[in-house]
Structures are given as C-alpha cells and as structure tokens.
Amino acid sequence: EGFVFIGDITAAIITITRGPTTRVIADASAWRTIAVMVAAAVAEGTAAVAAAVLAAADNSAKADFNGAPASAGRVAA
C-alpha cells in the first residue's frame, strides 16, 4: 500500500512539472516562428508588416500571460 502511494505522488509530480516544461518549449517555438516572419517582412522592405507581426505577438504574449492557467508563476517582463 505504501508503494502505491509513493507511485501516485511520483506520477502527480511528473504531471505537474511536465506542463510548464511543455509550455516553455511551445513558447520558444512560437517566438522562432515569429522571428522568421519578421525577418521575411523586413527583407521584403515591408516594415509595416514587421511592426504588425510584432504587435500581434506582443498582444498574444500579454493575453497568454494574463489569462492562461499555465502562466501562473511567471514573472512579468
């Protein structure tokens, strides 16, 4: 019975720690995609498009920080 309890605790810890790790990986991937989009827009000489992409990304990040449960505990930039 004690081993089952320890197994349950271990599973809970893995589940709790996996969420933020997955979120960090997803955030990094999204920012890489945004960086590529901005670079492409600048290369085409469309600074307005680059600014719009950055503004959209900034708004998305703010909304994510303020509304997503996975963002609990993050430090505001």
PDB file of N, CA and C in Angstrom:
ATOM      1  N   GLU A   1       0.823  -1.188   0.000  1.00  0.00           N
ATOM      2  CA  GLU A   1       0.000   0.000   0.000  1.00  0.00           C
ATOM      3  C   GLU A   1       0.876   1.264   0.000  1.00  0.00           C
ATOM      4  N   GLY A   2       1.970   1.232   0.718  1.00  0.00           N
ATOM      5  CA  GLY A   2       2.881   2.373   0.760  1.00  0.00           C
ATOM      6  C   GLY A   2       3.513   2.643  -0.591  1.00  0.00           C
ATOM      7  N   PHE A   3       3.845   1.571  -1.325  1.00  0.00           N
ATOM      8  CA  PHE A   3       4.466   1.747  -2.640  1.00  0.00           C
ATOM      9  C   PHE A   3       3.485   2.356  -3.640  1.00  0.00           C
ATOM     10  N   VAL A   4       2.215   1.993  -3.525  1.00  0.00           N
ATOM     11  CA  VAL A   4       1.197   2.568  -4.407  1.00  0.00           C
ATOM     12  C   VAL A   4       1.088   4.066  -4.153  1.00  0.00           C
ATOM     13  N   PHE A   5       1.103   4.456  -2.881  1.00  0.00           N
ATOM     14  CA  PHE A   5       1.036   5.870  -2.515  1.00  0.00           C
ATOM     15  C   PHE A   5       2.229   6.640  -3.083  1.00  0.00           C
ATOM     16  N   ILE A   6       3.421   6.077  -2.935  1.00  0.00           N
ATOM     17  CA  ILE A   6       4.632   6.718  -3.467  1.00  0.00           C
ATOM     18  C   ILE A   6       4.537   6.843  -4.989  1.00  0.00           C
ATOM     19  N   GLY A   7       4.026   5.803  -5.639  1.00  0.00           N
ATOM     20  CA  GLY A   7       3.845   5.849  -7.095  1.00  0.00           C
ATOM     21  C   GLY A   7       2.875   6.941  -7.511  1.00  0.00           C
ATOM     22  N   ASP A   8       1.785   7.100  -6.747  1.00  0.00           N
ATOM     23  CA  ASP A   8       0.809   8.149  -7.048  1.00  0.00           C
ATOM     24  C   ASP A   8       1.420   9.539  -6.890  1.00  0.00           C
ATOM     25  N   ILE A   9       2.204   9.717  -5.834  1.00  0.00           N
ATOM     26  CA  ILE A   9       2.863  11.004  -5.603  1.00  0.00           C
ATOM     27  C   ILE A   9       3.844  11.303  -6.743  1.00  0.00           C
ATOM     28  N   THR A  10       4.619  10.302  -7.133  1.00  0.00           N
ATOM     29  CA  THR A  10       5.588  10.477  -8.223  1.00  0.00           C
ATOM     30  C   THR A  10       4.876  10.850  -9.520  1.00  0.00           C
ATOM     31  N   ALA A  11       3.777  10.171  -9.827  1.00  0.00           N
ATOM     32  CA  ALA A  11       3.014  10.469 -11.046  1.00  0.00           C
ATOM     33  C   ALA A  11       2.472  11.897 -11.006  1.00  0.00           C
ATOM     34  N   ALA A  12       2.011  12.336  -9.849  1.00  0.00           N
ATOM     35  CA  ALA A  12       1.488  13.699  -9.716  1.00  0.00           C
ATOM     36  C   ALA A  12       2.592  14.729  -9.935  1.00  0.00           C
ATOM     37  N   ILE A  13       3.769  14.467  -9.389  1.00  0.00           N
ATOM     38  CA  ILE A  13       4.897  15.395  -9.557  1.00  0.00           C
ATOM     39  C   ILE A  13       5.292  15.484 -11.026  1.00  0.00           C
ATOM     40  N   ILE A  14       5.344  14.346 -11.705  1.00  0.00           N
ATOM     41  CA  ILE A  14       5.702  14.335 -13.132  1.00  0.00           C
ATOM     42  C   ILE A  14       4.674  15.128 -13.931  1.00  0.00           C
ATOM     43  N   THR A  15       3.392  14.947 -13.625  1.00  0.00           N
ATOM     44  CA  THR A  15       2.333  15.664 -14.333  1.00  0.00           C
ATOM     45  C   THR A  15       2.434  17.163 -14.096  1.00  0.00           C
ATOM     46  N   ILE A  16       2.680  17.559 -12.866  1.00  0.00           N
ATOM     47  CA  ILE A  16       2.767  18.985 -12.527  1.00  0.00           C
ATOM     48  C   ILE A  16       3.959  19.641 -13.210  1.00  0.00           C
ATOM     49  N   THR A  17       5.097  18.962 -13.228  1.00  0.00           N
ATOM     50  CA  THR A  17       6.301  19.570 -13.803  1.00  0.00           C
ATOM     51  C   THR A  17       6.315  19.501 -15.328  1.00  0.00           C
ATOM     52  N   ARG A  18       5.593  18.581 -15.911  1.00  0.00           N
ATOM     53  CA  ARG A  18       5.590  18.442 -17.368  1.00  0.00           C
ATOM     54  C   ARG A  18       4.891  19.619 -18.038  1.00  0.00           C
ATOM     55  N   GLY A  19       3.815  20.134 -17.456  1.00  0.00           N
ATOM     56  CA  GLY A  19       3.054  21.235 -18.047  1.00  0.00           C
ATOM     57  C   GLY A  19       3.897  22.464 -18.328  1.00  0.00           C
ATOM     58  N   PRO A  20       4.566  23.039 -17.317  1.00  0.00           N
ATOM     59  CA  PRO A  20       5.389  24.230 -17.575  1.00  0.00           C
ATOM     60  C   PRO A  20       6.522  23.976 -18.560  1.00  0.00           C
ATOM     61  N   THR A  21       7.115  22.789 -18.509  1.00  0.00           N
ATOM     62  CA  THR A  21       8.209  22.468 -19.430  1.00  0.00           C
ATOM     63  C   THR A  21       7.697  22.463 -20.863  1.00  0.00           C
ATOM     64  N   THR A  22       6.553  21.837 -21.079  1.00  0.00           N
ATOM     65  CA  THR A  22       5.944  21.804 -22.408  1.00  0.00           C
ATOM     66  C   THR A  22       5.608  23.218 -22.861  1.00  0.00           C
ATOM     67  N   ARG A  23       5.127  24.038 -21.939  1.00  0.00           N
ATOM     68  CA  ARG A  23       4.754  25.411 -22.265  1.00  0.00           C
ATOM     69  C   ARG A  23       5.977  26.231 -22.694  1.00  0.00           C
ATOM     70  N   VAL A  24       7.084  26.050 -22.010  1.00  0.00           N
ATOM     71  CA  VAL A  24       8.316  26.775 -22.353  1.00  0.00           C
ATOM     72  C   VAL A  24       8.782  26.385 -23.746  1.00  0.00           C
ATOM     73  N   ILE A  25       8.728  25.088 -24.055  1.00  0.00           N
ATOM     74  CA  ILE A  25       9.128  24.617 -25.384  1.00  0.00           C
ATOM     75  C   ILE A  25       8.205  25.213 -26.449  1.00  0.00           C
ATOM     76  N   ALA A  26       6.906  25.231 -26.192  1.00  0.00           N
ATOM     77  CA  ALA A  26       5.948  25.798 -27.147  1.00  0.00           C
ATOM     78  C   ALA A  26       6.191  27.288 -27.340  1.00  0.00           C
ATOM     79  N   ASP A  27       6.456  28.014 -26.244  1.00  0.00           N
ATOM     80  CA  ASP A  27       6.745  29.448 -26.336  1.00  0.00           C
ATOM     81  C   ASP A  27       7.982  29.700 -27.191  1.00  0.00           C
ATOM     82  N   ALA A  28       9.029  28.923 -26.974  1.00  0.00           N
ATOM     83  CA  ALA A  28      10.272  29.097 -27.735  1.00  0.00           C
ATOM     84  C   ALA A  28      10.024  28.853 -29.217  1.00  0.00           C
ATOM     85  N   SER A  29       9.231  27.840 -29.524  1.00  0.00           N
ATOM     86  CA  SER A  29       8.925  27.526 -30.913  1.00  0.00           C
ATOM     87  C   SER A  29       8.125  28.653 -31.557  1.00  0.00           C
ATOM     88  N   ALA A  30       7.160  29.199 -30.837  1.00  0.00           N
ATOM     89  CA  ALA A  30       6.339  30.290 -31.370  1.00  0.00           C
ATOM     90  C   ALA A  30       7.190  31.517 -31.647  1.00  0.00           C
ATOM     91  N   TRP A  31       8.104  31.841 -30.731  1.00  0.00           N
ATOM     92  CA  TRP A  31       8.948  33.023 -30.931  1.00  0.00           C
ATOM     93  C   TRP A  31       9.908  32.829 -32.102  1.00  0.00           C
ATOM     94  N   ARG A  32      10.384  31.604 -32.338  1.00  0.00           N
ATOM     95  CA  ARG A  32      11.233  31.350 -33.507  1.00  0.00           C
ATOM     96  C   ARG A  32      10.435  31.594 -34.784  1.00  0.00           C
ATOM     97  N   THR A  33       9.189  31.134 -34.803  1.00  0.00           N
ATOM     98  CA  THR A  33       8.332  31.329 -35.973  1.00  0.00           C
ATOM     99  C   THR A  33       8.096  32.817 -36.214  1.00  0.00           C
ATOM    100  N   ILE A  34       7.824  33.550 -35.150  1.00  0.00           N
ATOM    101  CA  ILE A  34       7.598  34.993 -35.268  1.00  0.00           C
ATOM    102  C   ILE A  34       8.856  35.686 -35.783  1.00  0.00           C
ATOM    103  N   ALA A  35      10.018  35.287 -35.280  1.00  0.00           N
ATOM    104  CA  ALA A  35      11.280  35.893 -35.722  1.00  0.00           C
ATOM    105  C   ALA A  35      11.492  35.678 -37.214  1.00  0.00           C
ATOM    106  N   VAL A  36      11.166  34.493 -37.706  1.00  0.00           N
ATOM    107  CA  VAL A  36      11.305  34.205 -39.141  1.00  0.00           C
ATOM    108  C   VAL A  36      10.349  35.081 -39.947  1.00  0.00           C
ATOM    109  N   MET A  37       9.115  35.233 -39.464  1.00  0.00           N
ATOM    110  CA  MET A  37       8.136  36.069 -40.163  1.00  0.00           C
ATOM    111  C   MET A  37       8.600  37.524 -40.220  1.00  0.00           C
ATOM    112  N   VAL A  38       9.128  38.025 -39.110  1.00  0.00           N
ATOM    113  CA  VAL A  38       9.609  39.407 -39.067  1.00  0.00           C
ATOM    114  C   VAL A  38      10.788  39.586 -40.014  1.00  0.00           C
ATOM    115  N   ALA A  39      11.717  38.634 -39.998  1.00  0.00           N
ATOM    116  CA  ALA A  39      12.884  38.717 -40.882  1.00  0.00           C
ATOM    117  C   ALA A  39      12.450  38.732 -42.345  1.00  0.00           C
ATOM    118  N   ALA A  40      11.469  37.908 -42.688  1.00  0.00           N
ATOM    119  CA  ALA A  40      10.978  37.872 -44.064  1.00  0.00           C
ATOM    120  C   ALA A  40      10.321  39.195 -44.438  1.00  0.00           C
ATOM    121  N   ALA A  41       9.548  39.753 -43.525  1.00  0.00           N
ATOM    122  CA  ALA A  41       8.873  41.023 -43.799  1.00  0.00           C
ATOM    123  C   ALA A  41       9.886  42.148 -43.984  1.00  0.00           C
ATOM    124  N   VAL A  42      10.904  42.181 -43.149  1.00  0.00           N
ATOM    125  CA  VAL A  42      11.939  43.212 -43.260  1.00  0.00           C
ATOM    126  C   VAL A  42      12.714  43.043 -44.559  1.00  0.00           C
ATOM    127  N   ALA A  43      13.010  41.792 -44.913  1.00  0.00           N
ATOM    128  CA  ALA A  43      13.748  41.522 -46.150  1.00  0.00           C
ATOM    129  C   ALA A  43      12.979  42.015 -47.367  1.00  0.00           C
ATOM    130  N   GLU A  44      11.670  41.971 -47.306  1.00  0.00           N
ATOM    131  CA  GLU A  44      10.841  42.452 -48.416  1.00  0.00           C
ATOM    132  C   GLU A  44      10.653  43.966 -48.363  1.00  0.00           C
ATOM    133  N   GLY A  45      11.174  44.586 -47.330  1.00  0.00           N
ATOM    134  CA  GLY A  45      11.050  46.035 -47.223  1.00  0.00           C
ATOM    135  C   GLY A  45       9.714  46.496 -46.678  1.00  0.00           C
ATOM    136  N   THR A  46       8.998  45.594 -46.056  1.00  0.00           N
ATOM    137  CA  THR A  46       7.683  45.954 -45.528  1.00  0.00           C
ATOM    138  C   THR A  46       7.776  46.094 -44.013  1.00  0.00           C
ATOM    139  N   ALA A  47       8.286  47.205 -43.573  1.00  0.00           N
ATOM    140  CA  ALA A  47       8.449  47.450 -42.139  1.00  0.00           C
ATOM    141  C   ALA A  47       7.099  47.482 -41.428  1.00  0.00           C
ATOM    142  N   ALA A  48       6.064  47.930 -42.125  1.00  0.00           N
ATOM    143  CA  ALA A  48       4.735  47.977 -41.517  1.00  0.00           C
ATOM    144  C   ALA A  48       4.246  46.575 -41.172  1.00  0.00           C
ATOM    145  N   VAL A  49       4.527  45.624 -42.054  1.00  0.00           N
ATOM    146  CA  VAL A  49       4.143  44.235 -41.790  1.00  0.00           C
ATOM    147  C   VAL A  49       4.924  43.702 -40.596  1.00  0.00           C
ATOM    148  N   ALA A  50       6.211  44.008 -40.538  1.00  0.00           N
ATOM    149  CA  ALA A  50       7.037  43.562 -39.416  1.00  0.00           C
ATOM    150  C   ALA A  50       6.508  44.129 -38.108  1.00  0.00           C
ATOM    151  N   ALA A  51       6.133  45.412 -38.113  1.00  0.00           N
ATOM    152  CA  ALA A  51       5.596  46.037 -36.905  1.00  0.00           C
ATOM    153  C   ALA A  51       4.272  45.398 -36.504  1.00  0.00           C
ATOM    154  N   ALA A  52       3.434  45.082 -37.492  1.00  0.00           N
ATOM    155  CA  ALA A  52       2.147  44.454 -37.195  1.00  0.00           C
ATOM    156  C   ALA A  52       2.334  43.064 -36.605  1.00  0.00           C
ATOM    157  N   VAL A  53       3.284  42.307 -37.147  1.00  0.00           N
ATOM    158  CA  VAL A  53       3.561  40.963 -36.629  1.00  0.00           C
ATOM    159  C   VAL A  53       4.064  41.052 -35.195  1.00  0.00           C
ATOM    160  N   LEU A  54       4.973  41.990 -34.942  1.00  0.00           N
ATOM    161  CA  LEU A  54       5.490  42.155 -33.579  1.00  0.00           C
ATOM    162  C   LEU A  54       4.393  42.599 -32.619  1.00  0.00           C
ATOM    163  N   ALA A  55       3.526  43.503 -33.062  1.00  0.00           N
ATOM    164  CA  ALA A  55       2.428  43.959 -32.207  1.00  0.00           C
ATOM    165  C   ALA A  55       1.480  42.813 -31.895  1.00  0.00           C
ATOM    166  N   ALA A  56       1.174  41.998 -32.897  1.00  0.00           N
ATOM    167  CA  ALA A  56       0.294  40.850 -32.677  1.00  0.00           C
ATOM    168  C   ALA A  56       0.930  39.861 -31.717  1.00  0.00           C
ATOM    169  N   ALA A  57       2.223  39.627 -31.876  1.00  0.00           N
ATOM    170  CA  ALA A  57       2.929  38.703 -30.986  1.00  0.00           C
ATOM    171  C   ALA A  57       2.947  39.238 -29.565  1.00  0.00           C
ATOM    172  N   ASP A  58       3.162  40.545 -29.426  1.00  0.00           N
ATOM    173  CA  ASP A  58       3.192  41.161 -28.103  1.00  0.00           C
ATOM    174  C   ASP A  58       1.824  41.059 -27.439  1.00  0.00           C
ATOM    175  N   ASN A  59       0.767  41.347 -28.195  1.00  0.00           N
ATOM    176  CA  ASN A  59      -0.589  41.243 -27.653  1.00  0.00           C
ATOM    177  C   ASN A  59      -0.913  39.815 -27.261  1.00  0.00           C
ATOM    178  N   SER A  60      -0.484  38.863 -28.085  1.00  0.00           N
ATOM    179  CA  SER A  60      -0.720  37.454 -27.789  1.00  0.00           C
ATOM    180  C   SER A  60       0.006  37.038 -26.522  1.00  0.00           C
ATOM    181  N   ALA A  61       1.246  37.486 -26.385  1.00  0.00           N
ATOM    182  CA  ALA A  61       2.026  37.135 -25.198  1.00  0.00           C
ATOM    183  C   ALA A  61       1.405  37.737 -23.945  1.00  0.00           C
ATOM    184  N   LYS A  62       0.916  38.983 -24.049  1.00  0.00           N
ATOM    185  CA  LYS A  62       0.272  39.627 -22.900  1.00  0.00           C
ATOM    186  C   LYS A  62      -1.011  38.894 -22.525  1.00  0.00           C
ATOM    187  N   ALA A  63      -1.801  38.527 -23.530  1.00  0.00           N
ATOM    188  CA  ALA A  63      -3.040  37.804 -23.260  1.00  0.00           C
ATOM    189  C   ALA A  63      -2.741  36.451 -22.635  1.00  0.00           C
ATOM    190  N   ASP A  64      -1.713  35.787 -23.137  1.00  0.00           N
ATOM    191  CA  ASP A  64      -1.312  34.488 -22.602  1.00  0.00           C
ATOM    192  C   ASP A  64      -0.874  34.634 -21.158  1.00  0.00           C
ATOM    193  N   PHE A  65      -0.092  35.658 -20.881  1.00  0.00           N
ATOM    194  CA  PHE A  65       0.412  35.869 -19.519  1.00  0.00           C
ATOM    195  C   PHE A  65      -0.740  36.153 -18.569  1.00  0.00           C
ATOM    196  N   ASN A  66      -1.694  36.942 -19.011  1.00  0.00           N
ATOM    197  CA  ASN A  66      -2.781  37.364 -18.134  1.00  0.00           C
ATOM    198  C   ASN A  66      -3.898  36.339 -18.004  1.00  0.00           C
ATOM    199  N   GLY A  67      -4.044  35.454 -19.001  1.00  0.00           N
ATOM    200  CA  GLY A  67      -5.209  34.587 -18.975  1.00  0.00           C
ATOM    201  C   GLY A  67      -4.979  33.102 -18.868  1.00  0.00           C
ATOM    202  N   ALA A  68      -3.823  32.603 -19.229  1.00  0.00           N
ATOM    203  CA  ALA A  68      -3.625  31.156 -19.274  1.00  0.00           C
ATOM    204  C   ALA A  68      -3.236  30.611 -17.908  1.00  0.00           C
ATOM    205  N   PRO A  69      -3.879  29.522 -17.489  1.00  0.00           N
ATOM    206  CA  PRO A  69      -3.519  28.916 -16.203  1.00  0.00           C
ATOM    207  C   PRO A  69      -2.071  28.440 -16.166  1.00  0.00           C
ATOM    208  N   ALA A  70      -1.528  28.055 -17.319  1.00  0.00           N
ATOM    209  CA  ALA A  70      -0.151  27.553 -17.351  1.00  0.00           C
ATOM    210  C   ALA A  70       0.856  28.659 -17.079  1.00  0.00           C
ATOM    211  N   SER A  71       0.404  29.925 -17.163  1.00  0.00           N
ATOM    212  CA  SER A  71       1.335  31.031 -16.968  1.00  0.00           C
ATOM    213  C   SER A  71       1.475  31.430 -15.507  1.00  0.00           C
ATOM    214  N   ALA A  72       0.781  30.760 -14.617  1.00  0.00           N
ATOM    215  CA  ALA A  72       0.865  31.106 -13.198  1.00  0.00           C
ATOM    216  C   ALA A  72       2.301  31.002 -12.720  1.00  0.00           C
ATOM    217  N   GLY A  73       2.744  32.020 -12.033  1.00  0.00           N
ATOM    218  CA  GLY A  73       4.095  31.997 -11.500  1.00  0.00           C
ATOM    219  C   GLY A  73       5.123  32.637 -12.398  1.00  0.00           C
ATOM    220  N   ARG A  74       4.740  33.020 -13.603  1.00  0.00           N
ATOM    221  CA  ARG A  74       5.698  33.686 -14.478  1.00  0.00           C
ATOM    222  C   ARG A  74       5.955  35.101 -13.979  1.00  0.00           C
ATOM    223  N   VAL A  75       7.102  35.623 -14.315  1.00  0.00           N
ATOM    224  CA  VAL A  75       7.453  36.986 -13.930  1.00  0.00           C
ATOM    225  C   VAL A  75       7.158  37.904 -15.102  1.00  0.00           C
ATOM    226  N   ALA A  76       6.453  38.995 -14.839  1.00  0.00           N
ATOM    227  CA  ALA A  76       6.103  39.933 -15.908  1.00  0.00           C
ATOM    228  C   ALA A  76       7.353  40.609 -16.443  1.00  0.00           C
ATOM    229  N   ALA A  77       7.382  40.779 -17.757  1.00  0.00           N
ATOM    230  CA  ALA A  77       8.547  41.425 -18.386  1.00  0.00           C
ATOM    231  C   ALA A  77       8.447  42.925 -18.228  1.00  0.00           C
TER     232      ALA A  77
END
